[in-house]
Amino acid sequence: MGTPKKWENVAWYKLGAKPGEKGSAVFAGHVDSKSGPAVFFNLKDLKKGDLVKNEKGVTLIFQVYDKHAYPRNDAPLQRIFGYTSVQVIRLITCTGNFNYEAHTHKKRLTVSAVLLAEK
C-alpha cells in the first residue's frame, strides 16, 4: 500500500473493499511532517465506542472497536487487509519513536471501526 504524497491527504488501498462494502476498507495517512501535525495526527486519540464519519456523498458512520500499535515490519497483514463479512474501515498511521536511519516511525497504529449506519 502506498502512502500519500501530501501530509494532508489520505490514501485508500484500492485492492480492498470500498467504504460501506463488506470487507476491510483500509486507509493510510501521515501522523506528522517536518513542519508539524499531519492528517492522522489525532488518530491516537480515538478509543472504543468513538464514531468516525465519512460525509462525502452518502454519510457512513463507523464505530471504533479496536486499536493496536504494531512494529512497522511485523504487522499482521491478513488481519488488517483481509476479508471480513462485515463493513469495516481500518485507519493506519505511524506511531512510536522516530527511527532516523529508516526515516520513519518504529510502529504502525491501526484503528478499526465497523459500519453502524448509512444516511
PDB file of N, CA and C in Angstrom:
ATOM      1  N   MET A   1       0.842  -1.175   0.000  1.00  0.00           N
ATOM      2  CA  MET A   1       0.000   0.000   0.000  1.00  0.00           C
ATOM      3  C   MET A   1       0.884   1.233   0.000  1.00  0.00           C
ATOM      4  N   GLY A   2       0.588   2.160  -0.871  1.00  0.00           N
ATOM      5  CA  GLY A   2       1.340   3.394  -0.936  1.00  0.00           C
ATOM      6  C   GLY A   2       0.952   4.359   0.166  1.00  0.00           C
ATOM      7  N   THR A   3       1.787   5.353   0.379  1.00  0.00           N
ATOM      8  CA  THR A   3       1.480   6.403   1.341  1.00  0.00           C
ATOM      9  C   THR A   3       1.160   7.679   0.574  1.00  0.00           C
ATOM     10  N   PRO A   4       0.360   8.539   1.174  1.00  0.00           N
ATOM     11  CA  PRO A   4       0.016   9.788   0.484  1.00  0.00           C
ATOM     12  C   PRO A   4       1.251  10.647   0.229  1.00  0.00           C
ATOM     13  N   LYS A   5       1.236  11.355  -0.874  1.00  0.00           N
ATOM     14  CA  LYS A   5       2.357  12.224  -1.225  1.00  0.00           C
ATOM     15  C   LYS A   5       2.317  13.532  -0.426  1.00  0.00           C
ATOM     16  N   LYS A   6       1.110  13.951  -0.042  1.00  0.00           N
ATOM     17  CA  LYS A   6       0.953  15.180   0.736  1.00  0.00           C
ATOM     18  C   LYS A   6       0.531  14.835   2.157  1.00  0.00           C
ATOM     19  N   TRP A   7       0.983  15.621   3.116  1.00  0.00           N
ATOM     20  CA  TRP A   7       0.742  15.368   4.537  1.00  0.00           C
ATOM     21  C   TRP A   7      -0.740  15.441   4.902  1.00  0.00           C
ATOM     22  N   GLU A   8      -1.515  16.208   4.144  1.00  0.00           N
ATOM     23  CA  GLU A   8      -2.932  16.394   4.466  1.00  0.00           C
ATOM     24  C   GLU A   8      -3.855  15.398   3.750  1.00  0.00           C
ATOM     25  N   ASN A   9      -3.301  14.520   2.941  1.00  0.00           N
ATOM     26  CA  ASN A   9      -4.110  13.552   2.186  1.00  0.00           C
ATOM     27  C   ASN A   9      -4.140  12.180   2.846  1.00  0.00           C
ATOM     28  N   VAL A  10      -5.140  11.401   2.460  1.00  0.00           N
ATOM     29  CA  VAL A  10      -5.297  10.026   2.932  1.00  0.00           C
ATOM     30  C   VAL A  10      -5.268   9.118   1.710  1.00  0.00           C
ATOM     31  N   ALA A  11      -4.560   7.985   1.808  1.00  0.00           N
ATOM     32  CA  ALA A  11      -4.501   7.003   0.722  1.00  0.00           C
ATOM     33  C   ALA A  11      -5.455   5.855   1.039  1.00  0.00           C
ATOM     34  N   TRP A  12      -6.130   5.356   0.013  1.00  0.00           N
ATOM     35  CA  TRP A  12      -7.047   4.221   0.145  1.00  0.00           C
ATOM     36  C   TRP A  12      -6.447   3.026  -0.585  1.00  0.00           C
ATOM     37  N   TYR A  13      -6.486   1.854   0.045  1.00  0.00           N
ATOM     38  CA  TYR A  13      -5.988   0.620  -0.564  1.00  0.00           C
ATOM     39  C   TYR A  13      -7.034   0.127  -1.553  1.00  0.00           C
ATOM     40  N   LYS A  14      -6.824   0.417  -2.838  1.00  0.00           N
ATOM     41  CA  LYS A  14      -7.846   0.168  -3.856  1.00  0.00           C
ATOM     42  C   LYS A  14      -8.093  -1.307  -4.164  1.00  0.00           C
ATOM     43  N   LEU A  15      -7.230  -2.219  -3.710  1.00  0.00           N
ATOM     44  CA  LEU A  15      -7.473  -3.641  -3.928  1.00  0.00           C
ATOM     45  C   LEU A  15      -8.388  -4.233  -2.855  1.00  0.00           C
ATOM     46  N   GLY A  16      -8.710  -3.442  -1.848  1.00  0.00           N
ATOM     47  CA  GLY A  16      -9.611  -3.876  -0.786  1.00  0.00           C
ATOM     48  C   GLY A  16     -11.024  -3.372  -1.040  1.00  0.00           C
ATOM     49  N   ALA A  17     -11.835  -3.444  -0.007  1.00  0.00           N
ATOM     50  CA  ALA A  17     -13.224  -3.003  -0.100  1.00  0.00           C
ATOM     51  C   ALA A  17     -13.303  -1.475  -0.178  1.00  0.00           C
ATOM     52  N   LYS A  18     -14.415  -0.997  -0.729  1.00  0.00           N
ATOM     53  CA  LYS A  18     -14.733   0.424  -0.660  1.00  0.00           C
ATOM     54  C   LYS A  18     -15.472   0.650   0.650  1.00  0.00           C
ATOM     55  N   PRO A  19     -15.400   1.848   1.216  1.00  0.00           N
ATOM     56  CA  PRO A  19     -16.130   2.105   2.459  1.00  0.00           C
ATOM     57  C   PRO A  19     -17.614   1.788   2.302  1.00  0.00           C
ATOM     58  N   GLY A  20     -18.152   1.024   3.241  1.00  0.00           N
ATOM     59  CA  GLY A  20     -19.558   0.629   3.199  1.00  0.00           C
ATOM     60  C   GLY A  20     -19.783  -0.744   2.604  1.00  0.00           C
ATOM     61  N   GLU A  21     -18.790  -1.291   1.889  1.00  0.00           N
ATOM     62  CA  GLU A  21     -18.896  -2.655   1.352  1.00  0.00           C
ATOM     63  C   GLU A  21     -18.431  -3.654   2.404  1.00  0.00           C
ATOM     64  N   LYS A  22     -18.879  -4.904   2.278  1.00  0.00           N
ATOM     65  CA  LYS A  22     -18.360  -5.945   3.167  1.00  0.00           C
ATOM     66  C   LYS A  22     -16.869  -6.091   2.912  1.00  0.00           C
ATOM     67  N   GLY A  23     -16.112  -6.205   3.987  1.00  0.00           N
ATOM     68  CA  GLY A  23     -14.674  -6.332   3.882  1.00  0.00           C
ATOM     69  C   GLY A  23     -13.976  -5.184   4.572  1.00  0.00           C
ATOM     70  N   SER A  24     -12.667  -5.152   4.418  1.00  0.00           N
ATOM     71  CA  SER A  24     -11.842  -4.127   5.062  1.00  0.00           C
ATOM     72  C   SER A  24     -11.487  -3.027   4.070  1.00  0.00           C
ATOM     73  N   ALA A  25     -11.973  -1.828   4.326  1.00  0.00           N
ATOM     74  CA  ALA A  25     -11.576  -0.645   3.562  1.00  0.00           C
ATOM     75  C   ALA A  25     -10.433  -0.007   4.349  1.00  0.00           C
ATOM     76  N   VAL A  26      -9.238  -0.013   3.776  1.00  0.00           N
ATOM     77  CA  VAL A  26      -8.038   0.400   4.504  1.00  0.00           C
ATOM     78  C   VAL A  26      -7.547   1.755   3.986  1.00  0.00           C
ATOM     79  N   PHE A  27      -7.252   2.639   4.937  1.00  0.00           N
ATOM     80  CA  PHE A  27      -6.774   3.984   4.623  1.00  0.00           C
ATOM     81  C   PHE A  27      -5.509   4.271   5.411  1.00  0.00           C
ATOM     82  N   ALA A  28      -4.569   4.970   4.787  1.00  0.00           N
ATOM     83  CA  ALA A  28      -3.326   5.358   5.459  1.00  0.00           C
ATOM     84  C   ALA A  28      -3.146   6.862   5.349  1.00  0.00           C
ATOM     85  N   GLY A  29      -2.596   7.436   6.394  1.00  0.00           N
ATOM     86  CA  GLY A  29      -2.299   8.864   6.406  1.00  0.00           C
ATOM     87  C   GLY A  29      -1.100   9.123   7.299  1.00  0.00           C
ATOM     88  N   HIS A  30      -0.414  10.210   7.043  1.00  0.00           N
ATOM     89  CA  HIS A  30       0.750  10.571   7.853  1.00  0.00           C
ATOM     90  C   HIS A  30       0.316  11.100   9.216  1.00  0.00           C
ATOM     91  N   VAL A  31       1.150  10.876  10.219  1.00  0.00           N
ATOM     92  CA  VAL A  31       0.889  11.384  11.559  1.00  0.00           C
ATOM     93  C   VAL A  31       1.483  12.788  11.730  1.00  0.00           C
ATOM     94  N   ASP A  32       2.618  13.017  11.097  1.00  0.00           N
ATOM     95  CA  ASP A  32       3.272  14.318  11.227  1.00  0.00           C
ATOM     96  C   ASP A  32       4.202  14.559  10.046  1.00  0.00           C
ATOM     97  N   SER A  33       4.763  15.739  10.026  1.00  0.00           N
ATOM     98  CA  SER A  33       5.723  16.121   8.991  1.00  0.00           C
ATOM     99  C   SER A  33       6.844  16.898   9.674  1.00  0.00           C
ATOM    100  N   LYS A  34       7.798  17.341   8.915  1.00  0.00           N
ATOM    101  CA  LYS A  34       8.891  18.142   9.492  1.00  0.00           C
ATOM    102  C   LYS A  34       8.376  19.463  10.052  1.00  0.00           C
ATOM    103  N   SER A  35       7.217  19.911   9.547  1.00  0.00           N
ATOM    104  CA  SER A  35       6.694  21.216   9.983  1.00  0.00           C
ATOM    105  C   SER A  35       5.552  21.117  10.995  1.00  0.00           C
ATOM    106  N   GLY A  36       5.120  19.898  11.350  1.00  0.00           N
ATOM    107  CA  GLY A  36       4.056  19.788  12.348  1.00  0.00           C
ATOM    108  C   GLY A  36       3.108  18.639  12.088  1.00  0.00           C
ATOM    109  N   PRO A  37       1.923  18.665  12.720  1.00  0.00           N
ATOM    110  CA  PRO A  37       0.953  17.578  12.600  1.00  0.00           C
ATOM    111  C   PRO A  37       0.461  17.374  11.168  1.00  0.00           C
ATOM    112  N   ALA A  38       0.118  16.110  10.854  1.00  0.00           N
ATOM    113  CA  ALA A  38      -0.441  15.757   9.551  1.00  0.00           C
ATOM    114  C   ALA A  38      -1.872  15.239   9.753  1.00  0.00           C
ATOM    115  N   VAL A  39      -2.465  14.727   8.683  1.00  0.00           N
ATOM    116  CA  VAL A  39      -3.884  14.378   8.652  1.00  0.00           C
ATOM    117  C   VAL A  39      -4.321  13.402   9.748  1.00  0.00           C
ATOM    118  N   PHE A  40      -3.506  12.409  10.098  1.00  0.00           N
ATOM    119  CA  PHE A  40      -3.897  11.429  11.111  1.00  0.00           C
ATOM    120  C   PHE A  40      -3.210  11.672  12.459  1.00  0.00           C
ATOM    121  N   PHE A  41      -2.836  12.914  12.726  1.00  0.00           N
ATOM    122  CA  PHE A  41      -2.174  13.246  13.984  1.00  0.00           C
ATOM    123  C   PHE A  41      -3.029  12.849  15.193  1.00  0.00           C
ATOM    124  N   ASN A  42      -4.332  13.045  15.121  1.00  0.00           N
ATOM    125  CA  ASN A  42      -5.220  12.762  16.255  1.00  0.00           C
ATOM    126  C   ASN A  42      -5.772  11.341  16.257  1.00  0.00           C
ATOM    127  N   LEU A  43      -5.336  10.502  15.342  1.00  0.00           N
ATOM    128  CA  LEU A  43      -5.835   9.125  15.291  1.00  0.00           C
ATOM    129  C   LEU A  43      -5.587   8.395  16.607  1.00  0.00           C
ATOM    130  N   LYS A  44      -4.491   8.693  17.250  1.00  0.00           N
ATOM    131  CA  LYS A  44      -4.135   8.059  18.521  1.00  0.00           C
ATOM    132  C   LYS A  44      -5.162   8.330  19.614  1.00  0.00           C
ATOM    133  N   ASP A  45      -5.941   9.396  19.463  1.00  0.00           N
ATOM    134  CA  ASP A  45      -6.917   9.780  20.486  1.00  0.00           C
ATOM    135  C   ASP A  45      -8.232   9.015  20.376  1.00  0.00           C
ATOM    136  N   LEU A  46      -8.470   8.324  19.250  1.00  0.00           N
ATOM    137  CA  LEU A  46      -9.702   7.543  19.120  1.00  0.00           C
ATOM    138  C   LEU A  46      -9.677   6.376  20.095  1.00  0.00           C
ATOM    139  N   LYS A  47     -10.861   6.034  20.611  1.00  0.00           N
ATOM    140  CA  LYS A  47     -10.974   4.901  21.532  1.00  0.00           C
ATOM    141  C   LYS A  47     -12.233   4.120  21.209  1.00  0.00           C
ATOM    142  N   LYS A  48     -12.354   2.931  21.794  1.00  0.00           N
ATOM    143  CA  LYS A  48     -13.522   2.085  21.551  1.00  0.00           C
ATOM    144  C   LYS A  48     -14.795   2.876  21.806  1.00  0.00           C
ATOM    145  N   GLY A  49     -15.740   2.745  20.886  1.00  0.00           N
ATOM    146  CA  GLY A  49     -17.023   3.428  21.011  1.00  0.00           C
ATOM    147  C   GLY A  49     -17.093   4.751  20.279  1.00  0.00           C
ATOM    148  N   ASP A  50     -15.941   5.360  19.948  1.00  0.00           N
ATOM    149  CA  ASP A  50     -15.948   6.622  19.212  1.00  0.00           C
ATOM    150  C   ASP A  50     -16.520   6.415  17.818  1.00  0.00           C
ATOM    151  N   LEU A  51     -17.119   7.473  17.275  1.00  0.00           N
ATOM    152  CA  LEU A  51     -17.696   7.413  15.932  1.00  0.00           C
ATOM    153  C   LEU A  51     -16.777   8.090  14.930  1.00  0.00           C
ATOM    154  N   VAL A  52     -16.717   7.508  13.729  1.00  0.00           N
ATOM    155  CA  VAL A  52     -15.945   8.047  12.613  1.00  0.00           C
ATOM    156  C   VAL A  52     -16.919   8.230  11.471  1.00  0.00           C
ATOM    157  N   LYS A  53     -16.963   9.431  10.874  1.00  0.00           N
ATOM    158  CA  LYS A  53     -17.922   9.706   9.800  1.00  0.00           C
ATOM    159  C   LYS A  53     -17.219   9.963   8.482  1.00  0.00           C
ATOM    160  N   ASN A  54     -17.856   9.520   7.418  1.00  0.00           N
ATOM    161  CA  ASN A  54     -17.460   9.850   6.062  1.00  0.00           C
ATOM    162  C   ASN A  54     -18.644  10.595   5.479  1.00  0.00           C
ATOM    163  N   GLU A  55     -18.467  11.845   5.141  1.00  0.00           N
ATOM    164  CA  GLU A  55     -19.586  12.656   4.677  1.00  0.00           C
ATOM    165  C   GLU A  55     -19.499  12.994   3.197  1.00  0.00           C
ATOM    166  N   LYS A  56     -18.735  12.255   2.445  1.00  0.00           N
ATOM    167  CA  LYS A  56     -18.618  12.509   1.008  1.00  0.00           C
ATOM    168  C   LYS A  56     -19.733  11.738   0.306  1.00  0.00           C
ATOM    169  N   GLY A  57     -20.722  12.460  -0.201  1.00  0.00           N
ATOM    170  CA  GLY A  57     -21.873  11.792  -0.815  1.00  0.00           C
ATOM    171  C   GLY A  57     -22.774  11.253   0.275  1.00  0.00           C
ATOM    172  N   VAL A  58     -22.806   9.948   0.440  1.00  0.00           N
ATOM    173  CA  VAL A  58     -23.588   9.298   1.483  1.00  0.00           C
ATOM    174  C   VAL A  58     -22.786   9.352   2.784  1.00  0.00           C
ATOM    175  N   THR A  59     -23.454   9.665   3.886  1.00  0.00           N
ATOM    176  CA  THR A  59     -22.773   9.680   5.182  1.00  0.00           C
ATOM    177  C   THR A  59     -22.718   8.272   5.744  1.00  0.00           C
ATOM    178  N   LEU A  60     -21.509   7.785   6.004  1.00  0.00           N
ATOM    179  CA  LEU A  60     -21.294   6.482   6.618  1.00  0.00           C
ATOM    180  C   LEU A  60     -20.776   6.726   8.032  1.00  0.00           C
ATOM    181  N   ILE A  61     -21.394   6.082   9.002  1.00  0.00           N
ATOM    182  CA  ILE A  61     -20.990   6.254  10.390  1.00  0.00           C
ATOM    183  C   ILE A  61     -20.425   4.927  10.899  1.00  0.00           C
ATOM    184  N   PHE A  62     -19.175   4.961  11.323  1.00  0.00           N
ATOM    185  CA  PHE A  62     -18.476   3.782  11.831  1.00  0.00           C
ATOM    186  C   PHE A  62     -18.208   3.958  13.317  1.00  0.00           C
ATOM    187  N   GLN A  63     -18.144   2.824  14.050  1.00  0.00           N
ATOM    188  CA  GLN A  63     -17.827   2.860  15.471  1.00  0.00           C
ATOM    189  C   GLN A  63     -16.533   2.101  15.712  1.00  0.00           C
ATOM    190  N   VAL A  64     -15.602   2.748  16.406  1.00  0.00           N
ATOM    191  CA  VAL A  64     -14.304   2.150  16.712  1.00  0.00           C
ATOM    192  C   VAL A  64     -14.489   0.959  17.645  1.00  0.00           C
ATOM    193  N   TYR A  65     -13.837  -0.164  17.295  1.00  0.00           N
ATOM    194  CA  TYR A  65     -13.898  -1.339  18.165  1.00  0.00           C
ATOM    195  C   TYR A  65     -12.512  -1.902  18.503  1.00  0.00           C
ATOM    196  N   ASP A  66     -11.459  -1.375  17.874  1.00  0.00           N
ATOM    197  CA  ASP A  66     -10.133  -1.942  18.118  1.00  0.00           C
ATOM    198  C   ASP A  66      -9.066  -0.908  17.783  1.00  0.00           C
ATOM    199  N   LYS A  67      -7.972  -0.917  18.545  1.00  0.00           N
ATOM    200  CA  LYS A  67      -6.835  -0.045  18.270  1.00  0.00           C
ATOM    201  C   LYS A  67      -5.575  -0.772  18.719  1.00  0.00           C
ATOM    202  N   HIS A  68      -4.607  -0.894  17.805  1.00  0.00           N
ATOM    203  CA  HIS A  68      -3.349  -1.580  18.106  1.00  0.00           C
ATOM    204  C   HIS A  68      -2.176  -0.853  17.462  1.00  0.00           C
ATOM    205  N   ALA A  69      -1.021  -0.947  18.109  1.00  0.00           N
ATOM    206  CA  ALA A  69       0.236  -0.480  17.523  1.00  0.00           C
ATOM    207  C   ALA A  69       1.113  -1.704  17.288  1.00  0.00           C
ATOM    208  N   TYR A  70       1.662  -1.802  16.078  1.00  0.00           N
ATOM    209  CA  TYR A  70       2.489  -2.942  15.688  1.00  0.00           C
ATOM    210  C   TYR A  70       3.861  -2.456  15.247  1.00  0.00           C
ATOM    211  N   PRO A  71       4.911  -3.271  15.457  1.00  0.00           N
ATOM    212  CA  PRO A  71       6.211  -2.930  14.860  1.00  0.00           C
ATOM    213  C   PRO A  71       6.037  -2.777  13.343  1.00  0.00           C
ATOM    214  N   ARG A  72       6.658  -1.772  12.767  1.00  0.00           N
ATOM    215  CA  ARG A  72       6.393  -1.453  11.354  1.00  0.00           C
ATOM    216  C   ARG A  72       6.689  -2.600  10.405  1.00  0.00           C
ATOM    217  N   ASN A  73       7.588  -3.490  10.743  1.00  0.00           N
ATOM    218  CA  ASN A  73       7.907  -4.622   9.866  1.00  0.00           C
ATOM    219  C   ASN A  73       7.272  -5.924  10.330  1.00  0.00           C
ATOM    220  N   ASP A  74       6.351  -5.854  11.281  1.00  0.00           N
ATOM    221  CA  ASP A  74       5.755  -7.077  11.815  1.00  0.00           C
ATOM    222  C   ASP A  74       4.260  -6.901  12.093  1.00  0.00           C
ATOM    223  N   ALA A  75       3.560  -6.183  11.254  1.00  0.00           N
ATOM    224  CA  ALA A  75       2.114  -6.005  11.408  1.00  0.00           C
ATOM    225  C   ALA A  75       1.392  -7.225  10.825  1.00  0.00           C
ATOM    226  N   PRO A  76       0.275  -7.633  11.423  1.00  0.00           N
ATOM    227  CA  PRO A  76      -0.482  -8.784  10.916  1.00  0.00           C
ATOM    228  C   PRO A  76      -1.285  -8.398   9.660  1.00  0.00           C
ATOM    229  N   LEU A  77      -0.664  -8.532   8.512  1.00  0.00           N
ATOM    230  CA  LEU A  77      -1.251  -8.049   7.260  1.00  0.00           C
ATOM    231  C   LEU A  77      -2.604  -8.689   6.946  1.00  0.00           C
ATOM    232  N   GLN A  78      -2.760  -9.979   7.215  1.00  0.00           N
ATOM    233  CA  GLN A  78      -4.038 -10.630   6.942  1.00  0.00           C
ATOM    234  C   GLN A  78      -5.138 -10.039   7.820  1.00  0.00           C
ATOM    235  N   ARG A  79      -4.810  -9.742   9.065  1.00  0.00           N
ATOM    236  CA  ARG A  79      -5.807  -9.165   9.970  1.00  0.00           C
ATOM    237  C   ARG A  79      -6.203  -7.752   9.518  1.00  0.00           C
ATOM    238  N   ILE A  80      -5.238  -6.993   9.016  1.00  0.00           N
ATOM    239  CA  ILE A  80      -5.503  -5.615   8.609  1.00  0.00           C
ATOM    240  C   ILE A  80      -6.185  -5.547   7.244  1.00  0.00           C
ATOM    241  N   PHE A  81      -5.649  -6.263   6.263  1.00  0.00           N
ATOM    242  CA  PHE A  81      -6.127  -6.152   4.886  1.00  0.00           C
ATOM    243  C   PHE A  81      -7.092  -7.256   4.478  1.00  0.00           C
ATOM    244  N   GLY A  82      -7.196  -8.328   5.272  1.00  0.00           N
ATOM    245  CA  GLY A  82      -8.001  -9.485   4.901  1.00  0.00           C
ATOM    246  C   GLY A  82      -9.492  -9.221   4.876  1.00  0.00           C
ATOM    247  N   TYR A  83     -10.197 -10.127   4.228  1.00  0.00           N
ATOM    248  CA  TYR A  83     -11.651 -10.018   4.085  1.00  0.00           C
ATOM    249  C   TYR A  83     -12.352 -10.227   5.420  1.00  0.00           C
ATOM    250  N   THR A  84     -13.423  -9.512   5.609  1.00  0.00           N
ATOM    251  CA  THR A  84     -14.317  -9.700   6.742  1.00  0.00           C
ATOM    252  C   THR A  84     -15.746  -9.642   6.216  1.00  0.00           C
ATOM    253  N   SER A  85     -16.652 -10.343   6.856  1.00  0.00           N
ATOM    254  CA  SER A  85     -18.033 -10.411   6.366  1.00  0.00           C
ATOM    255  C   SER A  85     -18.859  -9.190   6.771  1.00  0.00           C
ATOM    256  N   VAL A  86     -18.265  -8.266   7.496  1.00  0.00           N
ATOM    257  CA  VAL A  86     -18.958  -7.027   7.859  1.00  0.00           C
ATOM    258  C   VAL A  86     -18.224  -5.844   7.236  1.00  0.00           C
ATOM    259  N   GLN A  87     -18.857  -4.674   7.281  1.00  0.00           N
ATOM    260  CA  GLN A  87     -18.275  -3.467   6.695  1.00  0.00           C
ATOM    261  C   GLN A  87     -17.365  -2.796   7.722  1.00  0.00           C
ATOM    262  N   VAL A  88     -16.074  -2.801   7.422  1.00  0.00           N
ATOM    263  CA  VAL A  88     -15.067  -2.302   8.357  1.00  0.00           C
ATOM    264  C   VAL A  88     -14.165  -1.297   7.655  1.00  0.00           C
ATOM    265  N   ILE A  89     -13.740  -0.279   8.401  1.00  0.00           N
ATOM    266  CA  ILE A  89     -12.650   0.574   7.923  1.00  0.00           C
ATOM    267  C   ILE A  89     -11.479   0.377   8.871  1.00  0.00           C
ATOM    268  N   ARG A  90     -10.286   0.457   8.303  1.00  0.00           N
ATOM    269  CA  ARG A  90      -9.065   0.381   9.100  1.00  0.00           C
ATOM    270  C   ARG A  90      -8.222   1.604   8.729  1.00  0.00           C
ATOM    271  N   LEU A  91      -7.869   2.374   9.731  1.00  0.00           N
ATOM    272  CA  LEU A  91      -7.097   3.593   9.550  1.00  0.00           C
ATOM    273  C   LEU A  91      -5.691   3.351  10.081  1.00  0.00           C
ATOM    274  N   ILE A  92      -4.689   3.674   9.276  1.00  0.00           N
ATOM    275  CA  ILE A  92      -3.299   3.371   9.630  1.00  0.00           C
ATOM    276  C   ILE A  92      -2.459   4.639   9.590  1.00  0.00           C
ATOM    277  N   THR A  93      -1.602   4.772  10.598  1.00  0.00           N
ATOM    278  CA  THR A  93      -0.628   5.858  10.617  1.00  0.00           C
ATOM    279  C   THR A  93       0.605   5.403  11.389  1.00  0.00           C
ATOM    280  N   CYS A  94       1.612   6.224  11.403  1.00  0.00           N
ATOM    281  CA  CYS A  94       2.832   5.927  12.153  1.00  0.00           C
ATOM    282  C   CYS A  94       2.648   6.291  13.619  1.00  0.00           C
ATOM    283  N   THR A  95       3.425   5.628  14.467  1.00  0.00           N
ATOM    284  CA  THR A  95       3.418   5.944  15.893  1.00  0.00           C
ATOM    285  C   THR A  95       4.742   5.483  16.486  1.00  0.00           C
ATOM    286  N   GLY A  96       4.956   5.827  17.737  1.00  0.00           N
ATOM    287  CA  GLY A  96       6.190   5.411  18.402  1.00  0.00           C
ATOM    288  C   GLY A  96       7.345   6.344  18.085  1.00  0.00           C
ATOM    289  N   ASN A  97       8.504   5.973  18.550  1.00  0.00           N
ATOM    290  CA  ASN A  97       9.705   6.782  18.331  1.00  0.00           C
ATOM    291  C   ASN A  97      10.076   6.816  16.859  1.00  0.00           C
ATOM    292  N   PHE A  98      10.727   7.890  16.459  1.00  0.00           N
ATOM    293  CA  PHE A  98      11.167   8.033  15.078  1.00  0.00           C
ATOM    294  C   PHE A  98      12.508   7.341  14.895  1.00  0.00           C
ATOM    295  N   ASN A  99      12.621   6.520  13.857  1.00  0.00           N
ATOM    296  CA  ASN A  99      13.858   5.823  13.522  1.00  0.00           C
ATOM    297  C   ASN A  99      14.556   6.640  12.428  1.00  0.00           C
ATOM    298  N   TYR A 100      15.597   7.360  12.794  1.00  0.00           N
ATOM    299  CA  TYR A 100      16.273   8.249  11.848  1.00  0.00           C
ATOM    300  C   TYR A 100      16.984   7.502  10.737  1.00  0.00           C
ATOM    301  N   GLU A 101      17.450   6.299  10.996  1.00  0.00           N
ATOM    302  CA  GLU A 101      18.104   5.506   9.944  1.00  0.00           C
ATOM    303  C   GLU A 101      17.106   5.075   8.877  1.00  0.00           C
ATOM    304  N   ALA A 102      15.908   4.675   9.301  1.00  0.00           N
ATOM    305  CA  ALA A 102      14.868   4.218   8.369  1.00  0.00           C
ATOM    306  C   ALA A 102      14.001   5.365   7.861  1.00  0.00           C
ATOM    307  N   HIS A 103      14.136   6.553   8.434  1.00  0.00           N
ATOM    308  CA  HIS A 103      13.346   7.734   8.060  1.00  0.00           C
ATOM    309  C   HIS A 103      11.846   7.515   8.266  1.00  0.00           C
ATOM    310  N   THR A 104      11.490   6.807   9.337  1.00  0.00           N
ATOM    311  CA  THR A 104      10.081   6.558   9.646  1.00  0.00           C
ATOM    312  C   THR A 104       9.943   6.225  11.127  1.00  0.00           C
ATOM    313  N   HIS A 105       8.722   6.190  11.589  1.00  0.00           N
ATOM    314  CA  HIS A 105       8.457   5.810  12.978  1.00  0.00           C
ATOM    315  C   HIS A 105       8.607   4.297  13.130  1.00  0.00           C
ATOM    316  N   LYS A 106       8.851   3.853  14.350  1.00  0.00           N
ATOM    317  CA  LYS A 106       9.109   2.434  14.609  1.00  0.00           C
ATOM    318  C   LYS A 106       7.864   1.562  14.575  1.00  0.00           C
ATOM    319  N   LYS A 107       6.682   2.157  14.749  1.00  0.00           N
ATOM    320  CA  LYS A 107       5.454   1.364  14.801  1.00  0.00           C
ATOM    321  C   LYS A 107       4.385   1.919  13.877  1.00  0.00           C
ATOM    322  N   ARG A 108       3.362   1.080  13.655  1.00  0.00           N
ATOM    323  CA  ARG A 108       2.189   1.481  12.893  1.00  0.00           C
ATOM    324  C   ARG A 108       0.968   1.330  13.789  1.00  0.00           C
ATOM    325  N   LEU A 109       0.179   2.383  13.857  1.00  0.00           N
ATOM    326  CA  LEU A 109      -1.060   2.373  14.619  1.00  0.00           C
ATOM    327  C   LEU A 109      -2.210   2.042  13.686  1.00  0.00           C
ATOM    328  N   THR A 110      -3.033   1.074  14.062  1.00  0.00           N
ATOM    329  CA  THR A 110      -4.234   0.764  13.283  1.00  0.00           C
ATOM    330  C   THR A 110      -5.448   0.938  14.172  1.00  0.00           C
ATOM    331  N   VAL A 111      -6.446   1.627  13.635  1.00  0.00           N
ATOM    332  CA  VAL A 111      -7.729   1.799  14.297  1.00  0.00           C
ATOM    333  C   VAL A 111      -8.773   1.152  13.402  1.00  0.00           C
ATOM    334  N   SER A 112      -9.559   0.244  13.988  1.00  0.00           N
ATOM    335  CA  SER A 112     -10.598  -0.472  13.244  1.00  0.00           C
ATOM    336  C   SER A 112     -11.968  -0.018  13.716  1.00  0.00           C
ATOM    337  N   ALA A 113     -12.882   0.182  12.762  1.00  0.00           N
ATOM    338  CA  ALA A 113     -14.234   0.599  13.083  1.00  0.00           C
ATOM    339  C   ALA A 113     -15.222  -0.119  12.172  1.00  0.00           C
ATOM    340  N   VAL A 114     -16.385  -0.448  12.717  1.00  0.00           N
ATOM    341  CA  VAL A 114     -17.412  -1.183  11.989  1.00  0.00           C
ATOM    342  C   VAL A 114     -18.560  -0.229  11.624  1.00  0.00           C
ATOM    343  N   LEU A 115     -19.177  -0.466  10.467  1.00  0.00           N
ATOM    344  CA  LEU A 115     -20.263   0.379   9.999  1.00  0.00           C
ATOM    345  C   LEU A 115     -21.480   0.244  10.903  1.00  0.00           C
ATOM    346  N   LEU A 116     -21.982   1.383  11.387  1.00  0.00           N
ATOM    347  CA  LEU A 116     -23.196   1.406  12.206  1.00  0.00           C
ATOM    348  C   LEU A 116     -24.409   1.850  11.412  1.00  0.00           C
ATOM    349  N   ALA A 117     -24.218   2.874  10.585  1.00  0.00           N
ATOM    350  CA  ALA A 117     -25.357   3.456   9.858  1.00  0.00           C
ATOM    351  C   ALA A 117     -24.903   4.077   8.551  1.00  0.00           C
ATOM    352  N   GLU A 118     -25.842   4.132   7.639  1.00  0.00           N
ATOM    353  CA  GLU A 118     -25.625   4.760   6.333  1.00  0.00           C
ATOM    354  C   GLU A 118     -26.785   5.713   6.105  1.00  0.00           C
ATOM    355  N   LYS A 119     -26.482   6.996   5.906  1.00  0.00           N
ATOM    356  CA  LYS A 119     -27.544   8.002   5.748  1.00  0.00           C
ATOM    357  C   LYS A 119     -27.431   8.681   4.422  1.00  0.00           C
TER     358      LYS A 119
END
